């Protein structure tokens, strides 16, 4: 939620959208490819939807014209048009994908949290169109939202599996949502009925600099009248986690794999690996330059 309009005003003093020139975006993509990256994420989707789509049409054409071979993820908060899907399919690598983020399967929860942009029926109609155009899609859900009950989480898991089986080009994923500085939930917690555990920017800084915290299983707040963080995490792991959702794996095997990965995370192994990868990237850039 750090991209919220109010957060942009508070942090960057921005009250309107600033578009980078298409040529500048293409130059950045070519730089990524030059330095050995294979994937780029484009998370731009301002209202109204046509503004973002017109910008993307020019970017897609430029990617094809310049023979940029990156795999591209485009994050959309509004549903794409068929023209967008056709251009996406024709101009980008076949393993590129679009990410849609309805948040919750429950339309009323989306309304209460200011996240209602389309109905479930409209979403599924769009996913049908995505299948018809042969475009890959990831549908992302969030657990731990304000006004959510345990039954909502279980129903979300069922809806996630329904979409995954109904559409052949669609993957589904869920994570827990973590509060962020200057987000509407952080700035106005009473509006959402939450009790934040971090008040100042330094609270966020000190929390996130600690090793062993998994941001995909954190919330940073409790919710009045809703399951606690501990309870939410337990329901999430049982009904929504897709990290080890292998067809061959029994529930016991999946839980064992998850606990093993969690132990590695808490031990700081992944943090050490991040530093090693970062150092290797720095050295590669030095040698290339």
Protein backbone atom coordinates (compact mmCIF):
# COMPACT_ATOMS: atom_id res chain seq x y z
CA UNK A 1 0.00 0.00 0.00
CA UNK A 2 3.02 2.29 -0.19
CA UNK A 3 1.92 3.31 -3.70
CA UNK A 4 -1.30 4.86 -2.39
CA UNK A 5 -2.04 8.40 -3.51
CA UNK A 6 -1.87 9.73 0.06
CA UNK A 7 1.53 8.05 0.59
CA UNK A 8 2.93 9.64 -2.57
CA UNK A 9 1.77 13.03 -1.31
CA UNK A 10 3.25 12.56 2.17
CA UNK A 11 6.58 11.03 1.12
CA UNK A 12 7.31 12.51 -2.33
CA UNK A 13 5.03 15.58 -2.32
CA UNK A 14 3.47 14.34 -5.56
CA UNK A 15 -0.14 15.09 -6.39
CA UNK A 16 -0.18 13.94 -10.01
CA UNK A 17 1.26 11.24 -12.25
CA UNK A 18 4.64 11.81 -13.87
CA UNK A 19 5.28 9.72 -16.99
CA UNK A 20 8.85 8.87 -17.97
CA UNK A 21 9.46 9.22 -21.71
CA UNK A 22 9.02 5.89 -23.45
CA UNK A 23 12.54 6.12 -24.86
CA UNK A 24 13.94 6.45 -21.33
CA UNK A 25 12.02 3.35 -20.20
CA UNK A 26 13.36 1.39 -23.17
CA UNK A 27 16.91 2.55 -22.39
CA UNK A 28 16.53 1.24 -18.82
CA UNK A 29 15.29 -2.12 -20.11
CA UNK A 30 18.24 -2.36 -22.48
CA UNK A 31 20.59 -1.57 -19.58
CA UNK A 32 19.06 -4.43 -17.57
CA UNK A 33 19.56 -6.79 -20.46
CA UNK A 34 23.15 -5.60 -20.98
CA UNK A 35 24.08 -6.35 -17.38
CA UNK A 36 22.68 -9.87 -17.51
CA UNK A 37 19.22 -9.52 -15.98
CA UNK A 38 16.53 -11.70 -17.51
CA UNK A 39 13.32 -10.26 -15.99
CA UNK A 40 11.87 -6.77 -15.56
CA UNK A 41 8.79 -5.72 -13.58
CA UNK A 42 6.60 -2.83 -14.75
CA UNK A 43 4.20 -1.94 -11.88
CA UNK A 44 2.61 1.15 -13.47
CA UNK A 45 -1.19 1.28 -13.64
CA UNK A 46 -2.69 4.67 -12.73
CA UNK A 47 -6.37 5.56 -13.03
CA UNK A 48 -8.06 5.94 -15.41
CA UNK A 49 -7.02 2.62 -16.95
CA UNK A 50 -6.75 4.01 -20.49
CA UNK A 51 -3.84 6.27 -19.44
CA UNK A 52 -1.74 3.29 -18.40
CA UNK A 53 -2.74 1.23 -21.42
CA UNK A 54 -1.79 3.93 -23.92
CA UNK A 55 1.60 4.25 -22.24
CA UNK A 56 2.10 0.48 -22.36
CA UNK A 57 1.16 0.25 -26.04
CA UNK A 58 4.12 2.48 -26.87
CA UNK A 59 6.42 0.54 -24.51
CA UNK A 60 5.39 -2.83 -25.97
CA UNK A 61 5.96 -1.63 -29.53
CA UNK A 62 9.36 -0.29 -28.52
CA UNK A 63 10.35 -3.58 -26.86
CA UNK A 64 9.53 -5.44 -30.07
CA UNK A 65 11.23 -2.87 -32.28
CA UNK A 66 14.42 -2.81 -30.18
CA UNK A 67 14.56 -6.63 -29.88
CA UNK A 68 14.58 -6.50 -26.08
CA UNK A 69 14.43 -10.13 -24.95
CA UNK A 70 13.65 -9.67 -21.25
CA UNK A 71 10.83 -11.58 -19.63
CA UNK A 72 8.41 -8.87 -18.45
CA UNK A 73 5.90 -8.84 -15.61
CA UNK A 74 3.27 -6.11 -15.82
CA UNK A 75 1.31 -5.42 -12.64
CA UNK A 76 -2.26 -4.31 -13.32
CA UNK A 77 -4.68 -2.99 -10.71
CA UNK A 78 -7.38 -2.51 -13.33
CA UNK A 79 -8.50 -5.22 -15.72
CA UNK A 80 -6.71 -5.12 -19.09
CA UNK A 81 -8.55 -4.67 -22.37
CA UNK A 82 -8.39 -7.22 -25.18
CA UNK A 83 -6.21 -4.83 -27.21
CA UNK A 84 -3.75 -4.73 -24.30
CA UNK A 85 -3.66 -8.53 -24.18
CA UNK A 86 -3.13 -8.84 -27.93
CA UNK A 87 -0.22 -6.39 -27.90
CA UNK A 88 1.24 -8.04 -24.81
CA UNK A 89 1.13 -11.42 -26.56
CA UNK A 90 2.52 -10.12 -29.87
CA UNK A 91 5.34 -7.93 -28.53
CA UNK A 92 6.76 -9.66 -25.44
CA UNK A 93 8.48 -12.97 -24.74
CA UNK A 94 6.12 -15.90 -24.38
CA UNK A 95 7.04 -16.44 -20.72
CA UNK A 96 6.08 -12.88 -19.74
CA UNK A 97 3.02 -12.48 -17.56
CA UNK A 98 0.42 -10.06 -16.21
CA UNK A 99 -0.24 -9.85 -12.46
CA UNK A 100 -3.72 -8.93 -11.26
CA UNK A 101 -4.25 -8.08 -7.59
CA UNK A 102 -7.89 -8.20 -6.49
CA UNK A 103 -6.66 -8.54 -2.88
CA UNK A 104 -9.55 -10.50 -1.40
CA UNK A 105 -12.02 -12.85 -3.04
CA UNK A 106 -14.69 -11.14 -0.91
CA UNK A 107 -16.11 -8.10 -2.71
CA UNK A 108 -17.42 -6.53 0.51
CA UNK A 109 -13.96 -6.69 2.13
CA UNK A 110 -12.53 -5.03 -0.98
CA UNK A 111 -15.11 -2.25 -0.69
CA UNK A 112 -14.43 -1.64 3.01
CA UNK A 113 -10.69 -1.38 2.34
CA UNK A 114 -11.04 0.88 -0.71
CA UNK A 115 -9.82 -1.84 -3.07
CA UNK A 116 -12.97 -2.55 -5.09
CA UNK A 117 -12.08 -1.99 -8.76
CA UNK A 118 -14.08 -4.83 -10.36
CA UNK A 119 -16.40 -7.67 -9.40
CA UNK A 120 -15.45 -11.34 -9.28
CA UNK A 121 -17.63 -11.91 -12.34
CA UNK A 122 -15.69 -9.22 -14.23
CA UNK A 123 -12.41 -10.74 -13.06
CA UNK A 124 -13.36 -14.20 -14.31
CA UNK A 125 -14.57 -12.79 -17.62
CA UNK A 126 -11.17 -11.12 -18.01
CA UNK A 127 -9.36 -14.36 -17.13
CA UNK A 128 -11.38 -16.14 -19.81
CA UNK A 129 -10.22 -13.50 -22.29
CA UNK A 130 -6.62 -13.93 -21.07
CA UNK A 131 -6.88 -17.66 -21.77
CA UNK A 132 -8.27 -16.96 -25.24
CA UNK A 133 -5.35 -14.66 -26.06
CA UNK A 134 -2.76 -17.13 -24.72
CA UNK A 135 -1.31 -14.72 -22.13
CA UNK A 136 0.16 -15.89 -18.83
CA UNK A 137 -1.43 -14.42 -15.72
CA UNK A 138 -0.79 -14.43 -11.98
CA UNK A 139 -3.72 -13.55 -9.69
CA UNK A 140 -2.51 -12.34 -6.30
CA UNK A 141 -4.48 -12.46 -3.07
CA UNK A 142 -3.68 -11.00 0.37
CA UNK A 143 -4.49 -12.47 3.75
CA UNK A 144 -4.70 -10.47 6.96
CA UNK A 145 -6.76 -7.57 5.66
CA UNK A 146 -8.93 -5.48 7.97
CA UNK A 147 -12.52 -6.72 8.47
CA UNK A 148 -11.52 -10.29 7.56
CA UNK A 149 -12.76 -13.40 9.40
CA UNK A 150 -11.35 -16.92 9.54
CA UNK A 151 -14.10 -18.20 7.25
CA UNK A 152 -13.12 -15.55 4.70
CA UNK A 153 -9.58 -16.94 4.59
CA UNK A 154 -10.83 -20.50 4.07
CA UNK A 155 -13.20 -19.35 1.34
CA UNK A 156 -10.36 -17.43 -0.30
CA UNK A 157 -8.37 -20.67 -0.48
CA UNK A 158 -11.30 -22.40 -2.20
CA UNK A 159 -11.69 -19.51 -4.66
CA UNK A 160 -7.97 -19.55 -5.42
CA UNK A 161 -8.10 -23.25 -6.26
CA UNK A 162 -11.23 -22.74 -8.37
CA UNK A 163 -9.51 -20.16 -10.55
CA UNK A 164 -6.39 -22.28 -10.87
CA UNK A 165 -8.39 -25.24 -12.19
CA UNK A 166 -10.77 -23.23 -14.36
CA UNK A 167 -8.19 -21.27 -16.40
CA UNK A 168 -5.17 -22.94 -17.98
CA UNK A 169 -3.00 -19.80 -18.29
CA UNK A 170 -3.71 -18.58 -14.76
CA UNK A 171 -1.60 -19.12 -11.64
CA UNK A 172 -2.76 -18.00 -8.19
CA UNK A 173 -0.72 -16.98 -5.21
CA UNK A 174 -1.39 -15.51 -1.78
CA UNK A 175 0.67 -13.85 0.92
CA UNK A 176 -0.08 -12.04 4.14
CA UNK A 177 -0.22 -8.27 3.83
CA UNK A 178 2.19 -6.19 5.89
CA UNK A 179 1.55 -2.62 6.97
CA UNK A 180 3.84 -0.02 5.41
CA UNK A 181 4.79 3.53 6.43
CA UNK A 182 2.52 6.32 5.14
CA UNK A 183 -0.04 3.80 3.88
CA UNK A 184 -3.71 4.60 4.62
CA UNK A 185 -3.75 1.86 7.29
CA UNK A 186 -0.69 3.34 8.95
CA UNK A 187 -1.93 6.94 8.75
CA UNK A 188 -5.51 6.24 9.83
CA UNK A 189 -5.61 2.94 11.76
CA UNK A 190 -8.96 3.71 13.43
CA UNK A 191 -10.61 3.84 10.00
CA UNK A 192 -9.62 0.20 9.45
CA UNK A 193 -10.08 -1.02 13.01
CA UNK A 194 -6.45 -2.03 13.46
CA UNK A 195 -3.85 -1.65 16.20
CA UNK A 196 -0.46 -1.01 14.55
CA UNK A 197 2.70 -2.34 16.18
CA UNK A 198 4.90 0.24 14.45
CA UNK A 199 4.28 3.95 14.86
CA UNK A 200 7.27 5.83 13.44
CA UNK A 201 9.49 5.30 10.43
CA UNK A 202 12.30 4.19 12.76
CA UNK A 203 10.01 1.47 14.12
CA UNK A 204 9.83 0.06 10.59
CA UNK A 205 13.56 0.50 10.10
CA UNK A 206 14.58 -1.30 13.28
CA UNK A 207 12.08 -4.10 12.70
CA UNK A 208 13.10 -4.84 9.13
CA UNK A 209 16.84 -4.72 9.76
CA UNK A 210 16.52 -7.77 12.01
CA UNK A 211 17.31 -11.15 10.47
CA UNK A 212 14.76 -13.93 10.33
CA UNK A 213 11.58 -11.99 9.54
CA UNK A 214 9.58 -13.32 6.61
CA UNK A 215 7.65 -10.37 5.09
CA UNK A 216 5.22 -12.78 3.42
CA UNK A 217 3.99 -13.99 6.82
CA UNK A 218 3.98 -10.69 8.73
CA UNK A 219 1.29 -8.09 9.35
CA UNK A 220 2.63 -5.55 11.81
CA UNK A 221 -0.79 -4.97 13.37
CA UNK A 222 -3.68 -6.66 15.11
CA UNK A 223 -7.32 -6.28 14.08
CA UNK A 224 -10.22 -5.62 16.42
CA UNK A 225 -12.71 -8.47 16.30
CA UNK A 226 -10.66 -10.44 13.76
CA UNK A 227 -8.26 -13.40 14.07
CA UNK A 228 -4.92 -12.51 15.66
CA UNK A 229 -1.70 -12.50 13.66
CA UNK A 230 -0.83 -15.95 15.04
CA UNK A 231 -4.26 -17.34 14.21
CA UNK A 232 -4.22 -15.77 10.75
CA UNK A 233 -0.79 -17.24 10.00
CA UNK A 234 -1.97 -20.71 11.02
CA UNK A 235 -5.04 -20.53 8.74
CA UNK A 236 -2.94 -19.07 5.93
CA UNK A 237 -0.39 -21.89 6.11
CA UNK A 238 -3.14 -24.51 6.05
CA UNK A 239 -5.44 -23.09 3.37
CA UNK A 240 -3.60 -20.51 1.27
CA UNK A 241 0.13 -21.14 1.10
CA UNK A 242 1.27 -22.37 -2.33
CA UNK A 243 5.02 -22.39 -1.66
CA UNK A 244 5.24 -26.20 -1.54
CA UNK A 245 1.95 -27.03 -3.22
CA UNK A 246 3.33 -29.98 -5.17
CA UNK A 247 0.88 -32.58 -6.44
CA UNK A 248 3.09 -35.45 -5.25
CA UNK A 249 3.57 -34.04 -1.74
CA UNK A 250 1.38 -35.07 1.17
CA UNK A 251 0.34 -32.44 3.77
CA UNK A 252 3.04 -33.82 6.09
CA UNK A 253 5.76 -33.46 3.44
CA UNK A 254 4.64 -29.90 2.59
CA UNK A 255 4.66 -28.89 6.25
CA UNK A 256 8.11 -30.45 6.75
CA UNK A 257 9.53 -28.58 3.75
CA UNK A 258 7.98 -25.33 4.96
CA UNK A 259 9.37 -25.75 8.49
CA UNK A 260 12.81 -26.51 7.06
CA UNK A 261 12.72 -23.36 4.91
CA UNK A 262 11.51 -21.33 7.89
CA UNK A 263 14.44 -22.63 9.95
CA UNK A 264 16.90 -21.58 7.27
CA UNK A 265 15.27 -18.13 7.14
CA UNK A 266 15.53 -17.63 10.89
CA UNK A 267 19.15 -18.80 10.92
CA UNK A 268 20.13 -15.92 8.66
CA UNK A 269 21.31 -18.17 5.81
CA UNK A 270 19.19 -16.33 3.25
CA UNK A 271 20.53 -12.97 4.45
CA UNK A 272 24.10 -14.21 3.96
CA UNK A 273 23.16 -15.51 0.52
CA UNK A 274 21.71 -12.09 -0.39
CA UNK A 275 25.00 -10.43 0.56
CA UNK A 276 27.01 -12.91 -1.49
CA UNK A 277 24.79 -12.38 -4.53
CA UNK A 278 24.99 -8.60 -4.06
CA UNK A 279 28.78 -8.73 -3.90
CA UNK A 280 28.90 -10.90 -7.02
CA UNK A 281 26.68 -8.43 -8.91
CA UNK A 282 28.88 -5.50 -7.88
CA UNK A 283 31.99 -7.34 -9.06
CA UNK A 284 30.37 -8.27 -12.37
CA UNK A 285 29.38 -4.63 -13.00
CA UNK A 286 32.94 -3.48 -12.18
CA UNK A 287 34.44 -5.97 -14.65
CA UNK A 288 31.90 -5.12 -17.36
CA UNK A 289 32.59 -1.41 -17.01
